[in-house]
Protein backbone atom coordinates (compact mmCIF):
# COMPACT_ATOMS: atom_id res chain seq x y z
CA UNK A 1 -70.82 -37.55 48.22
CA UNK A 2 -68.35 -34.93 47.02
CA UNK A 3 -68.85 -31.16 47.01
CA UNK A 4 -70.11 -29.42 43.88
CA UNK A 5 -67.41 -28.45 41.43
CA UNK A 6 -68.07 -24.75 41.93
CA UNK A 7 -67.73 -23.13 45.35
CA UNK A 8 -68.07 -19.55 46.47
CA UNK A 9 -64.67 -17.83 46.22
CA UNK A 10 -64.96 -16.54 49.81
CA UNK A 11 -66.01 -19.86 51.36
CA UNK A 12 -62.59 -20.82 52.72
CA UNK A 13 -61.91 -17.34 54.10
CA UNK A 14 -65.32 -17.17 55.78
CA UNK A 15 -65.00 -20.66 57.25
CA UNK A 16 -61.58 -19.78 58.66
CA UNK A 17 -62.79 -16.49 60.15
CA UNK A 18 -64.16 -18.22 63.22
CA UNK A 19 -60.68 -19.64 63.91
CA UNK A 20 -58.84 -16.37 63.27
CA UNK A 21 -56.66 -14.90 66.02
CA UNK A 22 -56.68 -17.91 68.35
CA UNK A 23 -55.36 -17.50 71.87
CA UNK A 24 -51.88 -18.83 72.61
CA UNK A 25 -51.52 -21.42 75.42
CA UNK A 26 -49.57 -19.86 78.30
CA UNK A 27 -48.06 -21.20 81.51
CA UNK A 28 -46.89 -18.81 84.25
CA UNK A 29 -44.59 -17.15 84.90
CA UNK A 30 -44.97 -15.19 81.64
CA UNK A 31 -44.83 -11.49 80.88
CA UNK A 32 -46.83 -9.94 78.04
CA UNK A 33 -46.52 -6.51 76.44
CA UNK A 34 -49.39 -5.29 74.28
CA UNK A 35 -49.39 -2.41 71.78
CA UNK A 36 -52.30 -1.19 69.66
CA UNK A 37 -51.14 1.12 66.85
CA UNK A 38 -53.97 3.31 65.63
CA UNK A 39 -54.09 4.86 62.17
CA UNK A 40 -51.68 2.40 60.55
CA UNK A 41 -53.63 2.23 57.29
CA UNK A 42 -50.78 1.52 54.86
CA UNK A 43 -50.81 -2.28 54.65
CA UNK A 44 -47.69 -2.40 52.50
CA UNK A 45 -45.76 -0.39 55.13
CA UNK A 46 -47.11 -2.63 57.91
CA UNK A 47 -46.02 -5.82 56.13
CA UNK A 48 -42.61 -4.36 55.28
CA UNK A 49 -42.01 -3.33 58.89
CA UNK A 50 -42.90 -6.78 60.19
CA UNK A 51 -40.70 -8.37 57.49
CA UNK A 52 -37.75 -6.23 58.63
CA UNK A 53 -38.02 -7.63 62.17
CA UNK A 54 -38.25 -11.19 60.82
CA UNK A 55 -35.13 -10.76 58.69
CA UNK A 56 -33.25 -9.24 61.61
CA UNK A 57 -33.86 -12.40 63.69
CA UNK A 58 -33.65 -14.92 60.85
CA UNK A 59 -37.36 -15.74 60.98
CA UNK A 60 -39.37 -16.64 57.88
CA UNK A 61 -41.08 -13.57 56.39
CA UNK A 62 -44.89 -13.97 56.49
CA UNK A 63 -47.26 -13.44 53.58
CA UNK A 64 -47.74 -9.66 53.11
CA UNK A 65 -51.50 -10.25 52.84
CA UNK A 66 -51.72 -12.04 56.20
CA UNK A 67 -53.90 -10.51 58.88
CA UNK A 68 -52.59 -12.65 61.74
CA UNK A 69 -48.99 -13.75 62.38
CA UNK A 70 -47.54 -15.67 65.34
CA UNK A 71 -43.75 -16.03 65.30
CA UNK A 72 -41.00 -17.06 67.72
CA UNK A 73 -38.00 -14.69 67.75
CA UNK A 74 -36.02 -16.54 70.42
CA UNK A 75 -36.00 -14.09 73.29
CA UNK A 76 -39.65 -13.24 72.69
CA UNK A 77 -42.66 -14.35 70.71
CA UNK A 78 -44.83 -11.97 68.72
CA UNK A 79 -48.50 -12.10 67.90
CA UNK A 80 -49.23 -9.57 65.11
CA UNK A 81 -52.83 -8.78 64.10
CA UNK A 82 -54.25 -6.39 61.53
CA UNK A 83 -57.64 -4.95 62.47
CA UNK A 84 -59.84 -2.42 60.71
CA UNK A 85 -58.56 0.66 62.56
CA UNK A 86 -55.43 -0.56 64.28
CA UNK A 87 -52.64 -3.10 64.32
CA UNK A 88 -52.21 -5.15 67.48
CA UNK A 89 -48.76 -6.36 68.57
CA UNK A 90 -48.52 -8.68 71.56
CA UNK A 91 -45.09 -9.72 72.82
CA UNK A 92 -44.60 -12.79 75.08
CA UNK A 93 -41.51 -13.66 77.09
CA UNK A 94 -40.75 -16.11 79.95
CA UNK A 95 -40.01 -14.56 83.32
CA UNK A 96 -36.97 -15.85 85.24
CA UNK A 97 -37.60 -16.66 88.89
CA UNK A 98 -37.29 -13.68 91.20
CA UNK A 99 -37.46 -11.05 88.43
CA UNK A 100 -39.79 -8.03 88.71
CA UNK A 101 -42.40 -8.67 85.95
CA UNK A 102 -42.88 -4.95 85.33
CA UNK A 103 -39.15 -4.20 85.16
CA UNK A 104 -38.16 -7.05 82.85
CA UNK A 105 -41.03 -6.76 80.40
CA UNK A 106 -41.64 -8.76 77.24
CA UNK A 107 -41.03 -5.74 75.02
CA UNK A 108 -37.68 -4.91 76.64
CA UNK A 109 -35.81 -7.32 74.33
CA UNK A 110 -37.38 -5.95 71.13
CA UNK A 111 -35.07 -3.61 69.14
CA UNK A 112 -35.89 -0.06 70.20
CA UNK A 113 -35.31 1.44 66.73
CA UNK A 114 -37.80 -1.04 65.26
CA UNK A 115 -40.39 -0.09 67.89
CA UNK A 116 -39.83 3.63 67.26
CA UNK A 117 -40.51 3.12 63.54
CA UNK A 118 -43.82 1.28 64.02
CA UNK A 119 -46.49 2.67 61.64
CA UNK A 120 -49.33 4.50 63.37
CA UNK A 121 -49.71 5.87 66.87
CA UNK A 122 -50.01 3.89 70.10
CA UNK A 123 -53.57 4.16 71.37
CA UNK A 124 -53.27 1.34 73.93
CA UNK A 125 -50.28 -0.16 75.71
CA UNK A 126 -50.21 -2.51 78.66
CA UNK A 127 -47.99 -5.01 80.44
CA UNK A 128 -49.57 -8.20 81.75
CA UNK A 129 -47.75 -10.35 84.31
CA UNK A 130 -48.95 -13.96 84.59
CA UNK A 131 -47.64 -15.44 87.86
CA UNK A 132 -48.59 -18.28 90.14
CA UNK A 133 -51.33 -17.04 92.42
CA UNK A 134 -49.24 -17.03 95.62
CA UNK A 135 -46.41 -15.06 93.96
CA UNK A 136 -48.87 -12.55 92.52
CA UNK A 137 -50.56 -12.00 95.89
CA UNK A 138 -47.16 -11.46 97.53
CA UNK A 139 -46.07 -9.02 94.81
CA UNK A 140 -49.28 -6.95 94.83
CA UNK A 141 -48.48 -4.75 97.89
CA UNK A 142 -45.12 -3.76 96.39
CA UNK A 143 -46.57 -2.59 93.08
CA UNK A 144 -47.24 1.14 92.55
CA UNK A 145 -50.93 0.67 91.86
CA UNK A 146 -53.09 3.71 92.72
CA UNK A 147 -55.22 2.71 95.71
CA UNK A 148 -58.16 4.89 94.67
CA UNK A 149 -58.51 3.18 91.31
CA UNK A 150 -57.31 -0.34 92.10
CA UNK A 151 -59.81 -3.00 91.07
CA UNK A 152 -59.65 -6.75 91.11
CA UNK A 153 -61.66 -9.87 90.42
CA UNK A 154 -61.54 -13.59 90.64
CA UNK A 155 -61.98 -14.78 87.04
CA UNK A 156 -62.45 -17.98 85.06
CA UNK A 157 -64.57 -19.59 87.74
CA UNK A 158 -62.06 -18.74 90.47
CA UNK A 159 -59.11 -20.24 88.60
CA UNK A 160 -57.25 -16.91 88.54
CA UNK A 161 -57.23 -13.46 90.12
CA UNK A 162 -56.69 -10.14 88.32
CA UNK A 163 -55.60 -6.75 89.67
CA UNK A 164 -55.16 -3.45 87.80
CA UNK A 165 -55.62 0.28 88.32
CA UNK A 166 -56.23 1.07 84.60
CA UNK A 167 -53.62 3.85 84.83
CA UNK A 168 -50.79 4.68 82.44
CA UNK A 169 -47.55 4.44 84.42
CA UNK A 170 -44.25 6.24 83.91
CA UNK A 171 -43.16 3.94 81.07
CA UNK A 172 -46.34 4.67 79.11
CA UNK A 173 -47.91 1.27 79.80
CA UNK A 174 -50.86 0.22 81.94
CA UNK A 175 -50.22 -2.74 84.25
CA UNK A 176 -52.29 -5.85 84.85
CA UNK A 177 -51.29 -8.51 87.38
CA UNK A 178 -52.76 -12.00 87.03
CA UNK A 179 -52.37 -14.71 89.64
CA UNK A 180 -53.05 -18.15 88.15
CA UNK A 181 -54.27 -20.78 90.63
CA UNK A 182 -55.64 -23.68 88.68
CA UNK A 183 -56.16 -23.11 84.96
CA UNK A 184 -55.00 -25.10 81.92
CA UNK A 185 -52.60 -23.26 79.55
CA UNK A 186 -55.29 -22.75 76.93
CA UNK A 187 -57.59 -20.99 79.39
CA UNK A 188 -54.71 -18.93 80.77
CA UNK A 189 -53.96 -17.73 77.25
CA UNK A 190 -57.61 -16.95 76.62
CA UNK A 191 -57.89 -14.99 79.88
CA UNK A 192 -54.81 -12.94 79.00
CA UNK A 193 -56.23 -12.22 75.53
CA UNK A 194 -59.54 -11.05 77.00
CA UNK A 195 -57.69 -8.71 79.35
CA UNK A 196 -55.59 -7.04 76.66
CA UNK A 197 -58.62 -6.77 74.39
CA UNK A 198 -60.55 -5.00 77.18
CA UNK A 199 -57.70 -2.50 77.51
CA UNK A 200 -57.49 -1.99 73.74
CA UNK A 201 -61.22 -1.68 73.06
CA UNK A 202 -61.91 0.63 76.00
CA UNK A 203 -59.29 3.07 74.69
CA UNK A 204 -60.71 2.90 71.18
CA UNK A 205 -64.21 3.47 72.56
CA UNK A 206 -63.01 6.57 74.41
CA UNK A 207 -61.62 8.07 71.18
CA UNK A 208 -65.10 9.49 70.58
CA UNK A 209 -65.17 11.45 73.84
CA UNK A 210 -62.84 14.35 72.85
CA UNK A 211 -64.78 15.09 69.62
CA UNK A 212 -68.04 14.93 71.58
CA UNK A 213 -66.75 17.44 74.11
CA UNK A 214 -65.19 19.67 71.44
CA UNK A 215 -68.37 19.93 69.39
CA UNK A 216 -70.66 20.65 72.36
CA UNK A 217 -70.22 24.49 72.24
CA UNK A 218 -70.93 24.52 68.49
CA UNK A 219 -74.10 22.49 69.05
CA UNK A 220 -75.22 24.86 71.80
CA UNK A 221 -74.68 27.84 69.50
CA UNK A 222 -76.50 26.11 66.64
CA UNK A 223 -79.43 25.26 68.94
CA UNK A 224 -79.69 28.88 70.11
CA UNK A 225 -79.59 30.19 66.53
CA UNK A 226 -82.22 27.68 65.50
CA UNK A 227 -84.49 28.77 68.37
CA UNK A 228 -84.12 32.42 67.38
CA UNK A 229 -84.84 31.69 63.72
CA UNK A 230 -87.87 29.60 64.62
CA UNK A 231 -89.28 32.51 66.65
CA UNK A 232 -88.60 34.96 63.82
CA UNK A 233 -90.24 32.87 61.13
CA UNK A 234 -93.80 33.60 62.29
CA UNK A 235 -93.14 37.35 62.29
CA UNK A 236 -91.31 37.53 58.95
CA UNK A 237 -93.14 39.50 56.24
CA UNK A 238 -92.14 39.96 52.65
CA UNK A 239 -90.61 37.60 50.16
CA UNK A 240 -87.15 39.15 50.48
CA UNK A 241 -87.06 38.69 54.25
CA UNK A 242 -88.29 35.11 53.91
CA UNK A 243 -85.58 34.31 51.37
CA UNK A 244 -82.89 35.81 53.65
CA UNK A 245 -84.15 33.70 56.57
CA UNK A 246 -84.19 30.62 54.34
CA UNK A 247 -80.56 31.22 53.35
CA UNK A 248 -79.59 31.55 57.02
CA UNK A 249 -81.45 28.36 57.91
CA UNK A 250 -79.86 26.50 55.02
CA UNK A 251 -76.41 27.57 56.21
CA UNK A 252 -77.23 26.38 59.72
CA UNK A 253 -78.49 23.05 58.34
CA UNK A 254 -75.23 22.63 56.41
CA UNK A 255 -73.24 23.31 59.61
CA UNK A 256 -75.21 20.65 61.51
CA UNK A 257 -74.84 18.10 58.71
CA UNK A 258 -71.10 18.78 58.61
CA UNK A 259 -70.93 18.07 62.36
CA UNK A 260 -72.85 14.83 61.82
CA UNK A 261 -70.49 13.79 59.02
CA UNK A 262 -67.38 14.59 61.09
CA UNK A 263 -68.49 12.65 64.16
CA UNK A 264 -70.88 9.96 62.89
CA UNK A 265 -68.30 7.29 62.07
CA UNK A 266 -66.36 7.84 65.28
CA UNK A 267 -69.49 7.73 67.42
CA UNK A 268 -70.68 4.53 65.73
CA UNK A 269 -67.27 2.94 66.24
CA UNK A 270 -67.35 3.94 69.94
CA UNK A 271 -70.64 2.12 70.44
CA UNK A 272 -69.26 -0.97 68.71
CA UNK A 273 -66.07 -0.97 70.80
CA UNK A 274 -68.05 -0.42 74.00
CA UNK A 275 -70.13 -3.47 73.11
CA UNK A 276 -66.93 -5.49 72.70
CA UNK A 277 -65.68 -4.35 76.12
CA UNK A 278 -68.91 -5.46 77.74
CA UNK A 279 -68.78 -8.85 76.04
CA UNK A 280 -65.16 -9.41 77.05
CA UNK A 281 -66.02 -8.53 80.66
CA UNK A 282 -68.77 -11.14 80.56
CA UNK A 283 -66.25 -13.71 79.30
CA UNK A 284 -64.09 -13.15 82.38
CA UNK A 285 -66.82 -14.65 84.58
CA UNK A 286 -65.88 -12.31 87.44
CA UNK A 287 -66.41 -12.78 91.15
CA UNK A 288 -65.59 -10.01 93.65
CA UNK A 289 -62.46 -9.86 95.78
CA UNK A 290 -62.56 -8.46 99.33
CA UNK A 291 -62.55 -4.64 99.56
CA UNK A 292 -62.06 -4.13 95.81
CA UNK A 293 -64.46 -3.22 93.01
CA UNK A 294 -64.55 -5.71 90.19
CA UNK A 295 -63.20 -4.74 86.78
CA UNK A 296 -66.78 -4.55 85.49
CA UNK A 297 -67.89 -2.26 88.31
CA UNK A 298 -64.90 0.05 87.91
CA UNK A 299 -65.28 0.34 84.15
CA UNK A 300 -69.04 0.78 84.33
CA UNK A 301 -68.55 3.77 86.67
CA UNK A 302 -65.85 5.36 84.48
CA UNK A 303 -66.55 4.19 80.95
CA UNK A 304 -70.36 4.29 80.91
CA UNK A 305 -70.62 8.08 81.59
CA UNK A 306 -68.12 8.80 78.81
CA UNK A 307 -70.07 6.69 76.33
CA UNK A 308 -73.31 8.25 77.57
CA UNK A 309 -71.83 11.66 76.68
CA UNK A 310 -70.98 10.39 73.20
CA UNK A 311 -74.47 8.93 72.72
CA UNK A 312 -76.12 12.11 74.00
CA UNK A 313 -74.03 14.23 71.64
CA UNK A 314 -74.95 12.01 68.71
CA UNK A 315 -78.64 12.19 69.65
CA UNK A 316 -78.37 15.96 69.98
CA UNK A 317 -76.88 16.30 66.51
CA UNK A 318 -79.63 14.13 65.07
CA UNK A 319 -82.35 16.10 66.87
CA UNK A 320 -80.89 19.41 65.66
CA UNK A 321 -80.75 18.06 62.13
CA UNK A 322 -84.43 17.07 62.26
CA UNK A 323 -85.50 20.40 63.79
CA UNK A 324 -83.51 22.37 61.25
CA UNK A 325 -84.90 20.33 58.37
CA UNK A 326 -88.45 20.98 59.58
CA UNK A 327 -87.79 24.71 59.86
CA UNK A 328 -86.29 24.78 56.38
CA UNK A 329 -89.30 22.90 54.96
CA UNK A 330 -91.71 25.28 56.70
CA UNK A 331 -89.93 28.36 55.41
CA UNK A 332 -89.63 26.91 51.92
CA UNK A 333 -93.38 26.34 51.94
CA UNK A 334 -93.96 29.95 52.96
CA UNK A 335 -91.60 31.19 50.25
CA UNK A 336 -93.32 28.99 47.68
CA UNK A 337 -96.76 30.30 48.70
CA UNK A 338 -95.49 33.87 48.56
CA UNK A 339 -94.04 33.24 45.13
CA UNK A 340 -97.35 31.75 43.98
CA UNK A 341 -99.18 34.82 45.23
CA UNK A 342 -96.71 37.06 43.39
CA UNK A 343 -97.17 34.95 40.27
CA UNK A 344 -100.95 35.28 40.52
CA UNK A 345 -100.62 39.05 40.87
CA UNK A 346 -98.31 39.13 37.88
CA UNK A 347 -100.66 36.99 35.80
CA UNK A 348 -103.59 39.19 36.80
CA UNK A 349 -101.64 42.31 35.81
CA UNK A 350 -100.68 40.66 32.53
CA UNK A 351 -104.34 39.82 31.90
CA UNK A 352 -105.34 43.44 32.56
CA UNK A 353 -102.60 44.61 30.24
CA UNK A 354 -103.79 42.16 27.61
CA UNK A 355 -107.33 43.41 27.85
CA UNK A 356 -106.11 47.00 27.58
CA UNK A 357 -104.02 46.09 24.59
CA UNK A 358 -107.01 44.37 23.00
CA UNK A 359 -109.19 47.42 23.50
CA UNK A 360 -106.42 49.61 22.13
CA UNK A 361 -105.99 47.26 19.19
CA UNK A 362 -109.73 47.36 18.50
CA UNK A 363 -109.68 51.14 18.68
CA UNK A 364 -106.68 51.24 16.36
CA UNK A 365 -108.40 48.83 13.98
CA UNK A 366 -111.48 51.08 13.91
CA UNK A 367 -109.37 54.13 13.23
CA UNK A 368 -107.40 52.21 10.62
CA UNK A 369 -110.60 51.18 8.83
CA UNK A 370 -111.82 54.78 8.82
CA UNK A 371 -108.48 56.15 7.66
CA UNK A 372 -107.93 53.60 4.90
CA UNK A 373 -111.54 53.89 3.75
CA UNK A 374 -111.12 57.69 3.59
CA UNK A 375 -108.01 57.41 1.47
CA UNK A 376 -109.61 54.81 -0.83
CA UNK A 377 -112.72 56.98 -1.29
CA UNK A 378 -110.52 60.04 -1.89
CA UNK A 379 -108.67 58.23 -4.66
CA UNK A 380 -111.98 56.93 -6.00
CA UNK A 381 -113.27 60.54 -5.98
CA UNK A 382 -110.43 61.62 -8.23
CA UNK A 383 -111.44 58.89 -10.65
CA UNK A 384 -115.20 59.54 -10.54
CA UNK A 385 -115.62 63.31 -10.41
CA UNK A 386 -114.27 64.17 -13.92
CA UNK A 387 -116.99 62.07 -15.63
CA UNK A 388 -120.35 63.60 -16.72
CA UNK A 389 -122.80 61.68 -14.50
CA UNK A 390 -125.63 64.22 -15.00
CA UNK A 391 -126.75 62.42 -18.15
CA UNK A 392 -127.90 59.44 -16.12
CA UNK A 393 -129.47 61.50 -13.40
CA UNK A 394 -126.82 61.06 -10.62
CA UNK A 395 -123.93 63.03 -9.34
CA UNK A 396 -120.36 61.97 -8.49
CA UNK A 397 -121.00 62.78 -4.84
CA UNK A 398 -123.96 60.37 -4.82
CA UNK A 399 -121.84 57.62 -6.27
CA UNK A 400 -119.09 58.22 -3.68
CA UNK A 401 -121.68 58.17 -0.91
CA UNK A 402 -123.02 54.83 -2.15
CA UNK A 403 -119.44 53.43 -2.25
CA UNK A 404 -118.70 54.20 1.41
CA UNK A 405 -120.34 51.04 2.92
CA UNK A 406 -118.77 48.47 0.55
CA UNK A 407 -115.33 50.17 0.72
CA UNK A 408 -115.39 50.28 4.51
CA UNK A 409 -116.55 46.64 4.68
CA UNK A 410 -113.81 45.52 2.29
CA UNK A 411 -111.13 47.39 4.24
CA UNK A 412 -112.39 45.88 7.52
CA UNK A 413 -112.30 42.35 6.08
CA UNK A 414 -108.80 42.81 4.69
CA UNK A 415 -107.48 44.10 8.03
CA UNK A 416 -109.11 41.28 10.01
CA UNK A 417 -107.82 38.66 7.59
CA UNK A 418 -104.26 40.01 7.78
CA UNK A 419 -104.43 39.94 11.61
CA UNK A 420 -105.66 36.30 11.70
CA UNK A 421 -103.10 35.01 9.19
CA UNK A 422 -100.28 37.04 10.78
């Protein structure tokens, strides 16, 4: 039965992901030089730089979109890998009999000007010497490993032994010596890959330590300021003082959030890289060697405290952010309640003013009725008084007196009507 006509466009890429970056079969004696270039984000520049090396040695130029390249340049072989944050370059070269593996390194035959122009910055660099176990054991006493930090393990079920001091030597590279007793080439290659990945990932994990240390004084200052503000909040009186404290708290919250934004990604990456280091150490299947700490024991003593500092700093930033947010919410609630109280006072004052205005308006209306009625009756008097009312037994004054109620009522109705319609 054939597949459906339509397939997900990422199916092939996802299926091939599990086979990406395979280990190269290796047979000792072999020397390996590993570089991890951090911050090489320009993929076009990366591809162009690799293409320049290929053209120089007459090697086919790889696809610029490739994330993994393995090529033979004659005097050395190169494994080139593009990762999220770095580019890994691993050089392999055979080691002639009797040669010092850390003097005649794999990278020594690579053009120096090409190496100097590599995009990014070297965050990890190590030389790995794969020798027959007897040769490696004989060479070990002559190597300038630091005794206080030398560690070693039997790995791969006892098929090989590994020694390193995890130090950067005068040439800028760390050194790892591997004595191979009885391992097939595929497993030798896998063991070497695990070792250089441990060196690479531990350095990337430690990238978070300097920011964690640098931000510690700022966090201490922010914590002290937050404590002082929290103590002042309960004693603050007056809307103006509360608003000033809220502005100060908001500025402190912004400072803490800025610290979280600056360090969050790096701290998260450190935890991920540390997890990779631990998994690679498990893959080694270590057994102890006499009088030496294993690689796992050495790294756990040195790497774990550094990552604990990073985790503690991240937790401290998060705790400060929560505390500051709570303080801001509390003070905002107080400001809102104070504003509501002020609003109620203002509304009450407006109501009192309205009532006063109503009473004044009623008084004015009464006076207006009296005044207008007086003027109307005065005009009416001019019209009535000249006539001879004595013939019908009344006087003009009597008529004017009788006209007062209807005139006043009419004026009052007209004023009230004009106020309602207006």
